[in-house]
């Protein structure tokens, strides 16, 4: 069974003028179709950023995100 979701070294950096905030750094994982997945982590670990990228509400800075065969990295 192929991966339905594939994140490969996904990073998201917010540029706040002279300050750069790395909200997500080198996130890599695969989720197979029909598989149940839980995202856990400490406050500030990038859980919401990851979900926002997955849902198309945010763009990644680098890496690749593929959902059901479509590369959403450039959306």
PDB file of N, CA and C in Angstrom:
ATOM      1  N   UNK A   1       0.848  -1.189   0.000  1.00  0.00           N
ATOM      2  CA  UNK A   1       0.000   0.000   0.000  1.00  0.00           C
ATOM      3  C   UNK A   1       0.888   1.245   0.000  1.00  0.00           C
ATOM      4  N   UNK A   2       0.639   2.173  -0.910  1.00  0.00           N
ATOM      5  CA  UNK A   2       1.420   3.406  -1.012  1.00  0.00           C
ATOM      6  C   UNK A   2       0.996   4.411   0.046  1.00  0.00           C
ATOM      7  N   UNK A   3       1.882   5.368   0.288  1.00  0.00           N
ATOM      8  CA  UNK A   3       1.575   6.425   1.247  1.00  0.00           C
ATOM      9  C   UNK A   3       0.520   7.365   0.679  1.00  0.00           C
ATOM     10  N   UNK A   4      -0.433   7.740   1.509  1.00  0.00           N
ATOM     11  CA  UNK A   4      -1.447   8.711   1.127  1.00  0.00           C
ATOM     12  C   UNK A   4      -0.929  10.120   1.408  1.00  0.00           C
ATOM     13  N   UNK A   5      -0.201  10.266   2.521  1.00  0.00           N
ATOM     14  CA  UNK A   5       0.430  11.529   2.885  1.00  0.00           C
ATOM     15  C   UNK A   5       1.917  11.268   3.059  1.00  0.00           C
ATOM     16  N   UNK A   6       2.729  12.094   2.431  1.00  0.00           N
ATOM     17  CA  UNK A   6       4.178  11.977   2.568  1.00  0.00           C
ATOM     18  C   UNK A   6       4.771  13.366   2.773  1.00  0.00           C
ATOM     19  N   UNK A   7       5.369  13.590   3.930  1.00  0.00           N
ATOM     20  CA  UNK A   7       6.102  14.816   4.212  1.00  0.00           C
ATOM     21  C   UNK A   7       7.576  14.455   4.178  1.00  0.00           C
ATOM     22  N   UNK A   8       8.358  15.173   3.389  1.00  0.00           N
ATOM     23  CA  UNK A   8       9.785  14.899   3.266  1.00  0.00           C
ATOM     24  C   UNK A   8      10.582  16.160   3.574  1.00  0.00           C
ATOM     25  N   UNK A   9      11.172  16.203   4.745  1.00  0.00           N
ATOM     26  CA  UNK A   9      12.010  17.322   5.198  1.00  0.00           C
ATOM     27  C   UNK A   9      11.292  18.662   5.067  1.00  0.00           C
ATOM     28  N   UNK A  10      10.044  18.706   5.501  1.00  0.00           N
ATOM     29  CA  UNK A  10       9.231  19.919   5.406  1.00  0.00           C
ATOM     30  C   UNK A  10       9.647  20.919   6.479  1.00  0.00           C
ATOM     31  N   UNK A  11       9.873  22.143   6.055  1.00  0.00           N
ATOM     32  CA  UNK A  11      10.224  23.248   6.957  1.00  0.00           C
ATOM     33  C   UNK A  11       9.271  24.419   6.701  1.00  0.00           C
ATOM     34  N   UNK A  12       8.996  25.159   7.771  1.00  0.00           N
ATOM     35  CA  UNK A  12       8.214  26.388   7.645  1.00  0.00           C
ATOM     36  C   UNK A  12       8.863  27.441   8.525  1.00  0.00           C
ATOM     37  N   UNK A  13       9.362  28.484   7.885  1.00  0.00           N
ATOM     38  CA  UNK A  13      10.004  29.584   8.600  1.00  0.00           C
ATOM     39  C   UNK A  13       9.196  30.852   8.359  1.00  0.00           C
ATOM     40  N   UNK A  14       8.868  31.539   9.439  1.00  0.00           N
ATOM     41  CA  UNK A  14       8.170  32.814   9.345  1.00  0.00           C
ATOM     42  C   UNK A  14       9.202  33.924   9.450  1.00  0.00           C
ATOM     43  N   UNK A  15       9.180  34.846   8.503  1.00  0.00           N
ATOM     44  CA  UNK A  15      10.107  35.971   8.477  1.00  0.00           C
ATOM     45  C   UNK A  15       9.416  37.171   9.107  1.00  0.00           C
ATOM     46  N   UNK A  16       9.893  37.575  10.270  1.00  0.00           N
ATOM     47  CA  UNK A  16       9.309  38.694  10.996  1.00  0.00           C
ATOM     48  C   UNK A  16      10.303  39.861  11.018  1.00  0.00           C
ATOM     49  N   UNK A  17      10.669  40.331   9.820  1.00  0.00           N
ATOM     50  CA  UNK A  17      11.656  41.399   9.727  1.00  0.00           C
ATOM     51  C   UNK A  17      13.046  40.850   9.975  1.00  0.00           C
ATOM     52  N   UNK A  18      13.675  41.276  11.064  1.00  0.00           N
ATOM     53  CA  UNK A  18      15.016  40.804  11.397  1.00  0.00           C
ATOM     54  C   UNK A  18      14.998  39.456  12.117  1.00  0.00           C
ATOM     55  N   UNK A  19      13.825  39.021  12.520  1.00  0.00           N
ATOM     56  CA  UNK A  19      13.698  37.762  13.264  1.00  0.00           C
ATOM     57  C   UNK A  19      13.086  36.696  12.357  1.00  0.00           C
ATOM     58  N   UNK A  20      13.683  35.510  12.379  1.00  0.00           N
ATOM     59  CA  UNK A  20      13.139  34.369  11.643  1.00  0.00           C
ATOM     60  C   UNK A  20      12.727  33.310  12.654  1.00  0.00           C
ATOM     61  N   UNK A  21      11.482  32.833  12.531  1.00  0.00           N
ATOM     62  CA  UNK A  21      10.958  31.836  13.452  1.00  0.00           C
ATOM     63  C   UNK A  21      10.785  30.522  12.699  1.00  0.00           C
ATOM     64  N   UNK A  22      11.490  29.479  13.140  1.00  0.00           N
ATOM     65  CA  UNK A  22      11.350  28.153  12.534  1.00  0.00           C
ATOM     66  C   UNK A  22      10.220  27.419  13.245  1.00  0.00           C
ATOM     67  N   UNK A  23       9.031  27.463  12.650  1.00  0.00           N
ATOM     68  CA  UNK A  23       7.867  26.838  13.258  1.00  0.00           C
ATOM     69  C   UNK A  23       7.864  25.328  13.036  1.00  0.00           C
ATOM     70  N   UNK A  24       8.500  24.887  11.956  1.00  0.00           N
ATOM     71  CA  UNK A  24       8.577  23.457  11.638  1.00  0.00           C
ATOM     72  C   UNK A  24       9.922  23.225  10.966  1.00  0.00           C
ATOM     73  N   UNK A  25      10.652  22.220  11.422  1.00  0.00           N
ATOM     74  CA  UNK A  25      12.000  21.999  10.897  1.00  0.00           C
ATOM     75  C   UNK A  25      12.198  20.515  10.569  1.00  0.00           C
ATOM     76  N   UNK A  26      12.404  20.240   9.278  1.00  0.00           N
ATOM     77  CA  UNK A  26      12.724  18.894   8.786  1.00  0.00           C
ATOM     78  C   UNK A  26      11.726  17.814   9.228  1.00  0.00           C
ATOM     79  N   UNK A  27      10.443  18.094   9.091  1.00  0.00           N
ATOM     80  CA  UNK A  27       9.416  17.102   9.434  1.00  0.00           C
ATOM     81  C   UNK A  27       9.286  16.092   8.295  1.00  0.00           C
ATOM     82  N   UNK A  28       9.466  14.831   8.616  1.00  0.00           N
ATOM     83  CA  UNK A  28       9.356  13.761   7.623  1.00  0.00           C
ATOM     84  C   UNK A  28       8.514  12.628   8.194  1.00  0.00           C
ATOM     85  N   UNK A  29       7.491  12.225   7.464  1.00  0.00           N
ATOM     86  CA  UNK A  29       6.661  11.087   7.862  1.00  0.00           C
ATOM     87  C   UNK A  29       5.815  10.639   6.688  1.00  0.00           C
ATOM     88  N   UNK A  30       5.268   9.440   6.787  1.00  0.00           N
ATOM     89  CA  UNK A  30       4.350   8.884   5.786  1.00  0.00           C
ATOM     90  C   UNK A  30       3.126   8.353   6.506  1.00  0.00           C
ATOM     91  N   UNK A  31       1.972   8.532   5.894  1.00  0.00           N
ATOM     92  CA  UNK A  31       0.729   7.962   6.401  1.00  0.00           C
ATOM     93  C   UNK A  31       0.096   7.180   5.266  1.00  0.00           C
ATOM     94  N   UNK A  32      -0.196   5.917   5.512  1.00  0.00           N
ATOM     95  CA  UNK A  32      -0.822   5.085   4.491  1.00  0.00           C
ATOM     96  C   UNK A  32      -2.321   5.347   4.450  1.00  0.00           C
ATOM     97  N   UNK A  33      -2.926   5.110   3.299  1.00  0.00           N
ATOM     98  CA  UNK A  33      -4.364   5.290   3.141  1.00  0.00           C
ATOM     99  C   UNK A  33      -5.091   4.372   4.120  1.00  0.00           C
ATOM    100  N   UNK A  34      -6.014   4.921   4.890  1.00  0.00           N
ATOM    101  CA  UNK A  34      -6.780   4.165   5.873  1.00  0.00           C
ATOM    102  C   UNK A  34      -6.118   4.083   7.239  1.00  0.00           C
ATOM    103  N   UNK A  35      -4.885   4.526   7.342  1.00  0.00           N
ATOM    104  CA  UNK A  35      -4.158   4.484   8.610  1.00  0.00           C
ATOM    105  C   UNK A  35      -4.605   5.637   9.502  1.00  0.00           C
ATOM    106  N   UNK A  36      -4.655   5.389  10.787  1.00  0.00           N
ATOM    107  CA  UNK A  36      -4.989   6.427  11.760  1.00  0.00           C
ATOM    108  C   UNK A  36      -3.686   6.939  12.367  1.00  0.00           C
ATOM    109  N   UNK A  37      -3.595   8.247  12.488  1.00  0.00           N
ATOM    110  CA  UNK A  37      -2.360   8.882  12.953  1.00  0.00           C
ATOM    111  C   UNK A  37      -2.701   9.917  14.014  1.00  0.00           C
ATOM    112  N   UNK A  38      -1.823  10.065  14.999  1.00  0.00           N
ATOM    113  CA  UNK A  38      -1.987  11.058  16.060  1.00  0.00           C
ATOM    114  C   UNK A  38      -0.750  11.943  16.053  1.00  0.00           C
ATOM    115  N   UNK A  39      -0.941  13.241  16.149  1.00  0.00           N
ATOM    116  CA  UNK A  39       0.174  14.186  16.199  1.00  0.00           C
ATOM    117  C   UNK A  39       0.253  14.740  17.617  1.00  0.00           C
ATOM    118  N   UNK A  40       1.374  14.487  18.271  1.00  0.00           N
ATOM    119  CA  UNK A  40       1.573  14.964  19.646  1.00  0.00           C
ATOM    120  C   UNK A  40       2.903  15.692  19.730  1.00  0.00           C
ATOM    121  N   UNK A  41       3.015  16.555  20.705  1.00  0.00           N
ATOM    122  CA  UNK A  41       4.264  17.267  20.923  1.00  0.00           C
ATOM    123  C   UNK A  41       4.047  18.413  21.896  1.00  0.00           C
ATOM    124  N   UNK A  42       5.148  18.935  22.339  1.00  0.00           N
ATOM    125  CA  UNK A  42       5.115  20.048  23.288  1.00  0.00           C
ATOM    126  C   UNK A  42       4.572  21.314  22.619  1.00  0.00           C
ATOM    127  N   UNK A  43       4.170  22.253  23.436  1.00  0.00           N
ATOM    128  CA  UNK A  43       3.726  23.547  22.933  1.00  0.00           C
ATOM    129  C   UNK A  43       4.853  24.171  22.117  1.00  0.00           C
ATOM    130  N   UNK A  44       4.527  24.638  20.913  1.00  0.00           N
ATOM    131  CA  UNK A  44       5.528  25.265  20.066  1.00  0.00           C
ATOM    132  C   UNK A  44       6.303  24.295  19.190  1.00  0.00           C
ATOM    133  N   UNK A  45       5.913  23.023  19.198  1.00  0.00           N
ATOM    134  CA  UNK A  45       6.642  22.007  18.429  1.00  0.00           C
ATOM    135  C   UNK A  45       6.320  22.036  16.937  1.00  0.00           C
ATOM    136  N   UNK A  46       5.236  22.702  16.537  1.00  0.00           N
ATOM    137  CA  UNK A  46       4.888  22.814  15.124  1.00  0.00           C
ATOM    138  C   UNK A  46       3.685  21.994  14.697  1.00  0.00           C
ATOM    139  N   UNK A  47       2.911  21.501  15.651  1.00  0.00           N
ATOM    140  CA  UNK A  47       1.736  20.673  15.331  1.00  0.00           C
ATOM    141  C   UNK A  47       0.723  21.434  14.481  1.00  0.00           C
ATOM    142  N   UNK A  48       0.369  22.621  14.884  1.00  0.00           N
ATOM    143  CA  UNK A  48      -0.619  23.416  14.149  1.00  0.00           C
ATOM    144  C   UNK A  48      -0.079  23.830  12.793  1.00  0.00           C
ATOM    145  N   UNK A  49       1.184  24.190  12.724  1.00  0.00           N
ATOM    146  CA  UNK A  49       1.808  24.555  11.446  1.00  0.00           C
ATOM    147  C   UNK A  49       1.753  23.373  10.488  1.00  0.00           C
ATOM    148  N   UNK A  50       2.085  22.185  10.972  1.00  0.00           N
ATOM    149  CA  UNK A  50       2.034  20.977  10.159  1.00  0.00           C
ATOM    150  C   UNK A  50       0.622  20.747   9.615  1.00  0.00           C
ATOM    151  N   UNK A  51      -0.370  20.846  10.483  1.00  0.00           N
ATOM    152  CA  UNK A  51      -1.759  20.645  10.061  1.00  0.00           C
ATOM    153  C   UNK A  51      -2.220  21.732   9.092  1.00  0.00           C
ATOM    154  N   UNK A  52      -1.761  22.967   9.282  1.00  0.00           N
ATOM    155  CA  UNK A  52      -2.105  24.051   8.360  1.00  0.00           C
ATOM    156  C   UNK A  52      -1.515  23.819   6.976  1.00  0.00           C
ATOM    157  N   UNK A  53      -0.309  23.286   6.906  1.00  0.00           N
ATOM    158  CA  UNK A  53       0.300  22.937   5.619  1.00  0.00           C
ATOM    159  C   UNK A  53      -0.478  21.790   4.985  1.00  0.00           C
ATOM    160  N   UNK A  54      -0.777  20.780   5.772  1.00  0.00           N
ATOM    161  CA  UNK A  54      -1.526  19.621   5.288  1.00  0.00           C
ATOM    162  C   UNK A  54      -2.896  20.017   4.755  1.00  0.00           C
ATOM    163  N   UNK A  55      -3.534  20.991   5.408  1.00  0.00           N
ATOM    164  CA  UNK A  55      -4.863  21.450   5.002  1.00  0.00           C
ATOM    165  C   UNK A  55      -4.839  22.532   3.928  1.00  0.00           C
ATOM    166  N   UNK A  56      -3.655  22.961   3.507  1.00  0.00           N
ATOM    167  CA  UNK A  56      -3.559  23.970   2.459  1.00  0.00           C
ATOM    168  C   UNK A  56      -3.758  25.390   2.935  1.00  0.00           C
ATOM    169  N   UNK A  57      -3.734  25.615   4.244  1.00  0.00           N
ATOM    170  CA  UNK A  57      -3.930  26.964   4.772  1.00  0.00           C
ATOM    171  C   UNK A  57      -2.621  27.715   4.957  1.00  0.00           C
ATOM    172  N   UNK A  58      -1.502  27.000   4.813  1.00  0.00           N
ATOM    173  CA  UNK A  58      -0.180  27.600   4.946  1.00  0.00           C
ATOM    174  C   UNK A  58       0.728  26.943   3.917  1.00  0.00           C
ATOM    175  N   UNK A  59       1.792  27.635   3.551  1.00  0.00           N
ATOM    176  CA  UNK A  59       2.741  27.094   2.568  1.00  0.00           C
ATOM    177  C   UNK A  59       4.031  26.723   3.276  1.00  0.00           C
ATOM    178  N   UNK A  60       4.698  25.703   2.753  1.00  0.00           N
ATOM    179  CA  UNK A  60       5.960  25.309   3.358  1.00  0.00           C
ATOM    180  C   UNK A  60       7.098  26.132   2.773  1.00  0.00           C
ATOM    181  N   UNK A  61       8.167  26.267   3.534  1.00  0.00           N
ATOM    182  CA  UNK A  61       9.331  27.028   3.095  1.00  0.00           C
ATOM    183  C   UNK A  61      10.258  26.159   2.264  1.00  0.00           C
ATOM    184  N   UNK A  62      10.422  24.903   2.668  1.00  0.00           N
ATOM    185  CA  UNK A  62      11.255  23.963   1.917  1.00  0.00           C
ATOM    186  C   UNK A  62      10.786  22.546   2.197  1.00  0.00           C
ATOM    187  N   UNK A  63      11.262  21.622   1.383  1.00  0.00           N
ATOM    188  CA  UNK A  63      10.854  20.230   1.492  1.00  0.00           C
ATOM    189  C   UNK A  63       9.739  19.912   0.518  1.00  0.00           C
ATOM    190  N   UNK A  64       9.140  18.751   0.692  1.00  0.00           N
ATOM    191  CA  UNK A  64       8.050  18.325  -0.188  1.00  0.00           C
ATOM    192  C   UNK A  64       6.922  17.715   0.623  1.00  0.00           C
ATOM    193  N   UNK A  65       5.709  18.032   0.229  1.00  0.00           N
ATOM    194  CA  UNK A  65       4.512  17.452   0.826  1.00  0.00           C
ATOM    195  C   UNK A  65       3.662  16.895  -0.310  1.00  0.00           C
ATOM    196  N   UNK A  66       3.373  15.593  -0.235  1.00  0.00           N
ATOM    197  CA  UNK A  66       2.582  14.926  -1.268  1.00  0.00           C
ATOM    198  C   UNK A  66       1.351  14.328  -0.617  1.00  0.00           C
ATOM    199  N   UNK A  67       0.184  14.633  -1.169  1.00  0.00           N
ATOM    200  CA  UNK A  67      -1.076  14.090  -0.682  1.00  0.00           C
ATOM    201  C   UNK A  67      -1.773  13.383  -1.828  1.00  0.00           C
ATOM    202  N   UNK A  68      -2.015  12.117  -1.664  1.00  0.00           N
ATOM    203  CA  UNK A  68      -2.691  11.278  -2.663  1.00  0.00           C
ATOM    204  C   UNK A  68      -2.068  11.438  -4.047  1.00  0.00           C
ATOM    205  N   UNK A  69      -0.741  11.473  -4.080  1.00  0.00           N
ATOM    206  CA  UNK A  69      -0.020  11.576  -5.346  1.00  0.00           C
ATOM    207  C   UNK A  69       0.183  12.980  -5.869  1.00  0.00           C
ATOM    208  N   UNK A  70      -0.431  13.977  -5.255  1.00  0.00           N
ATOM    209  CA  UNK A  70      -0.273  15.369  -5.700  1.00  0.00           C
ATOM    210  C   UNK A  70       0.704  16.107  -4.796  1.00  0.00           C
ATOM    211  N   UNK A  71       1.723  16.686  -5.411  1.00  0.00           N
ATOM    212  CA  UNK A  71       2.712  17.462  -4.664  1.00  0.00           C
ATOM    213  C   UNK A  71       2.117  18.829  -4.363  1.00  0.00           C
ATOM    214  N   UNK A  72       1.828  19.089  -3.095  1.00  0.00           N
ATOM    215  CA  UNK A  72       1.213  20.368  -2.699  1.00  0.00           C
ATOM    216  C   UNK A  72       2.264  21.402  -2.299  1.00  0.00           C
ATOM    217  N   UNK A  73       3.535  21.076  -2.485  1.00  0.00           N
ATOM    218  CA  UNK A  73       4.623  21.946  -2.049  1.00  0.00           C
ATOM    219  C   UNK A  73       4.580  23.316  -2.713  1.00  0.00           C
ATOM    220  N   UNK A  74       4.089  23.402  -3.928  1.00  0.00           N
ATOM    221  CA  UNK A  74       4.089  24.662  -4.665  1.00  0.00           C
ATOM    222  C   UNK A  74       2.721  25.351  -4.691  1.00  0.00           C
ATOM    223  N   UNK A  75       1.759  24.813  -3.980  1.00  0.00           N
ATOM    224  CA  UNK A  75       0.421  25.437  -3.962  1.00  0.00           C
ATOM    225  C   UNK A  75       0.478  26.748  -3.220  1.00  0.00           C
TER     226      UNK A  75
END
